Protein backbone atom coordinates (compact mmCIF):
# COMPACT_ATOMS: atom_id res chain seq x y z
CA ILE A 1 87.95 133.44 120.55
CA GLN A 2 87.65 135.49 123.95
CA ASN A 3 87.40 138.90 122.40
CA LEU A 4 84.61 138.05 120.57
CA SER A 5 81.38 139.98 121.56
CA ALA A 6 78.65 137.26 122.28
CA SER A 7 76.08 139.77 121.43
CA LYS A 8 76.84 140.12 118.28
CA THR A 9 78.39 136.67 117.17
CA GLN A 10 76.53 133.18 116.66
CA ARG A 11 77.65 129.96 117.00
CA LEU A 12 76.97 127.13 114.70
CA GLN A 13 77.67 123.74 113.74
CA GLU A 14 76.52 122.84 110.34
CA GLY A 15 77.82 120.95 107.05
CA TRP A 16 79.30 117.17 106.92
CA ARG A 17 81.68 115.60 105.03
CA GLU A 18 81.31 111.95 103.38
CA GLN A 19 83.43 109.65 101.33
CA THR A 20 83.86 106.13 100.14
CA GLN A 21 87.11 104.83 99.39
CA SER A 22 87.44 101.97 96.93
CA LEU A 23 88.92 99.06 94.83
CA PHE A 24 87.60 97.56 91.55
CA ALA A 25 89.05 94.58 89.28
CA SER A 26 87.46 93.30 86.53
CA ALA A 27 88.19 89.99 84.10
CA GLU A 28 86.46 89.30 81.22
CA LEU A 29 87.56 85.64 79.74
CA GLY A 30 86.65 84.43 75.91
CA TYR A 31 87.37 81.12 74.11
CA LYS A 32 86.64 80.32 70.16
CA ASN A 33 84.28 83.45 69.86
CA THR A 34 81.78 81.28 71.86
CA TYR A 35 82.12 80.85 75.49
CA PHE A 36 82.53 84.46 77.51
CA LEU A 37 82.87 84.64 81.22
CA THR A 38 83.44 87.65 83.02
CA LEU A 39 84.05 88.26 86.55
CA THR A 40 84.42 91.48 88.98
CA GLY A 41 84.79 92.26 92.91
CA ARG A 42 84.54 95.64 94.33
CA ASN A 43 85.39 96.82 97.86
CA ASP A 44 84.28 99.81 99.40
CA TRP A 45 85.11 101.73 102.60
CA PRO A 46 82.44 104.58 103.31
CA SER A 47 82.48 106.95 106.04
CA GLN A 48 79.46 106.25 107.19
CA LEU A 49 80.59 102.27 108.60
CA ALA A 50 83.20 104.10 110.31
CA GLY A 51 82.42 104.36 114.23
CA PRO A 52 81.78 102.59 117.47
CA ASN A 53 78.85 101.04 116.60
CA SER A 54 79.26 99.72 113.32
CA ASN A 55 80.79 95.75 112.89
CA SER A 56 81.41 96.31 109.25
CA LYS A 57 84.41 98.45 108.25
CA SER A 58 83.77 97.77 104.61
CA PHE A 59 81.91 95.69 102.13
CA PHE A 60 82.89 93.46 99.17
CA TYR A 61 80.65 93.15 96.46
CA PRO A 62 81.37 90.72 93.88
CA SER A 63 79.86 89.76 90.06
CA VAL A 64 79.95 86.46 87.84
CA GLY A 65 78.08 86.35 84.26
CA GLY A 66 78.74 83.66 81.17
CA SER A 67 77.50 83.40 78.00
CA VAL A 68 77.40 81.16 74.99
CA VAL A 69 76.93 81.75 71.63
CA LEU A 70 74.93 79.16 70.22
CA SER A 71 74.62 79.55 67.06
CA GLU A 72 78.58 79.30 66.76
CA LEU A 73 78.46 75.56 68.10
CA MET A 74 75.37 74.94 65.46
CA PRO A 75 77.41 74.48 61.49
CA ASN A 76 74.19 73.69 59.73
CA LEU A 77 72.02 77.04 61.32
CA ASN A 78 70.18 78.15 58.35
CA LYS A 79 70.91 82.00 58.78
CA ASP A 80 68.29 82.96 56.59
CA TYR A 81 65.79 82.30 59.69
CA LEU A 82 68.16 82.27 63.06
CA SER A 83 71.45 83.94 62.46
CA PHE A 84 72.65 84.51 65.90
CA ILE A 85 71.49 82.71 69.02
CA LYS A 86 73.04 83.12 72.75
CA VAL A 87 71.97 82.37 76.29
CA ARG A 88 73.35 84.00 79.20
CA GLY A 89 73.37 83.94 82.70
CA SER A 90 74.73 86.27 85.85
CA TRP A 91 75.09 87.24 89.29
CA ALA A 92 75.84 89.90 91.42
CA SER A 93 75.68 91.25 94.58
CA VAL A 94 75.70 95.09 95.20
CA GLY A 95 75.71 96.97 98.89
CA SER A 96 75.32 100.39 100.43
CA ALA A 97 75.83 102.18 103.54
CA PHE A 98 73.21 103.46 105.69
CA SER A 99 72.59 106.88 106.03
CA ARG A 100 75.43 108.88 107.92
CA TYR A 101 75.71 109.45 111.70
CA LEU A 102 73.71 106.11 112.59
CA ALA A 103 77.26 104.63 113.28
CA ASN A 104 78.49 107.14 114.85
CA PRO A 105 75.76 109.38 117.02
CA HIS A 106 76.16 113.53 116.89
CA TYR A 107 74.90 116.16 119.29
CA GLU A 108 73.63 119.19 117.17
CA TRP A 109 74.28 122.64 118.65
CA ASN A 110 71.74 125.02 119.60
CA SER A 111 71.87 128.36 119.16
CA SER A 112 69.42 129.66 121.16
CA SER A 113 69.73 127.69 124.39
CA GLY A 114 73.47 127.55 123.79
CA GLN A 115 73.72 123.87 124.80
CA TRP A 116 74.14 120.69 122.73
CA SER A 117 70.98 118.50 122.05
CA ILE A 118 69.80 115.37 123.98
CA THR A 119 69.55 112.29 121.27
CA THR A 120 66.35 110.88 120.81
CA GLN A 121 67.87 107.76 118.67
CA TYR A 122 68.01 104.66 120.39
CA PRO A 123 71.89 103.52 120.27
CA LEU A 124 72.92 101.29 117.63
CA TYR A 125 74.73 98.07 117.89
CA ASN A 126 75.75 95.76 114.73
CA LEU A 127 75.27 97.79 111.89
CA LYS A 128 75.24 96.33 108.50
CA PRO A 129 75.08 97.65 104.93
CA GLU A 130 72.49 97.29 102.65
CA ARG A 131 73.01 94.37 100.16
CA THR A 132 70.68 92.89 97.22
CA ASN A 133 71.85 90.46 95.43
CA SER A 134 70.25 89.53 92.15
CA TRP A 135 70.36 86.91 89.02
CA GLU A 136 69.34 87.37 85.27
CA LEU A 137 68.94 84.23 83.02
CA GLY A 138 68.72 86.12 79.47
CA LEU A 139 68.20 84.56 75.53
CA ASP A 140 69.15 86.80 72.55
CA MET A 141 68.14 85.77 69.13
CA ARG A 142 68.47 87.15 65.50
CA LEU A 143 65.42 86.11 63.13
CA PHE A 144 64.98 86.99 59.49
CA LYS A 145 68.32 88.57 59.37
CA ASP A 146 66.54 92.03 60.62
CA PHE A 147 64.69 90.77 63.76
CA ASN A 148 65.79 90.95 67.01
CA LEU A 149 64.65 89.31 70.11
CA GLY A 150 65.47 89.18 73.81
CA LEU A 151 63.84 87.99 76.69
CA SER A 152 65.21 87.78 80.28
CA TRP A 153 64.45 86.84 83.44
CA TYR A 154 65.69 88.55 86.81
CA LEU A 155 65.09 87.50 90.67
CA ALA A 156 66.51 90.57 93.34
CA ASN A 157 66.37 90.20 96.96
CA THR A 158 67.29 93.12 99.04
CA PHE A 159 68.36 92.95 103.07
CA ASN A 160 69.65 94.69 105.77
CA GLN A 161 67.46 97.86 104.42
CA THR A 162 67.83 100.43 107.74
CA PHE A 163 64.55 102.21 108.35
CA ASP A 164 63.29 104.29 111.08
CA PRO A 165 59.58 103.70 112.61
CA GLN A 166 58.95 105.93 115.67
CA ILE A 167 59.00 104.61 118.85
CA SER A 168 57.06 105.98 122.38
CA VAL A 169 58.69 108.36 123.73
CA SER A 170 58.17 107.05 127.02
CA SER A 171 61.15 104.50 126.64
CA GLY A 172 63.18 108.25 126.52
CA TYR A 173 63.61 107.52 122.87
CA SER A 174 61.80 108.88 119.55
CA THR A 175 62.94 106.77 116.97
CA ILE A 176 64.83 103.34 116.40
CA TYR A 177 66.51 102.35 113.27
CA LEU A 178 65.74 98.61 112.12
CA GLN A 179 67.63 96.34 109.58
CA THR A 180 65.36 94.52 107.82
CA GLY A 181 64.38 93.23 104.33
C-alpha cells in the first residue's frame, strides 16, 4: 500500500452487509374435521441487533390460531340455506429490527478532508426490536349454496417503533433515536 500514489488513488468506504438468521416451527392439529388449532414460532437473529448497545440479540414471535366448524356440530342444519359456518380467532406477534448502525455506530471516511467523520447521533442504549401484536376474530358462512360471507374484526398494536427527531445542535448532537409507539 506504500507504493500507491496519493494523487492518483482515492480512499473509499462504502457498502454494508445485513443478514438475519432464523428458526421457524409450525404445528397444526385437527379433530373430527371440526376443531382446528395452529401454532407457530419464529426466532430471528438480525445483524442490526448485534452491537455493544443492544440488549436484545434476537427476538421470538409466536402465533396461535383456532377455528371451529359449527356446521359440523349441527346435524339438523338446512343445507339449502346455510351449508357452512365457521368461527375463527387468532393472535400473532411479529417483529422487525431497527435500522443498521444504531446499535453499532459507524464513522464515515471523508475523502476530501482525509479524516473520519464525527458522529452527530446521540448514543443509544437499551434498544429493542419493533413489535406488533395483532388479534383477529372472524366468521365464515356459505349461504344459498353459492353466496359466501366472511366477517373479520382485527386489532393491531405496534410498539418500540424507532424515530429520529432533530434536536438542538447545542447539545453536541443533531439527532436522537427514540423508541415509542
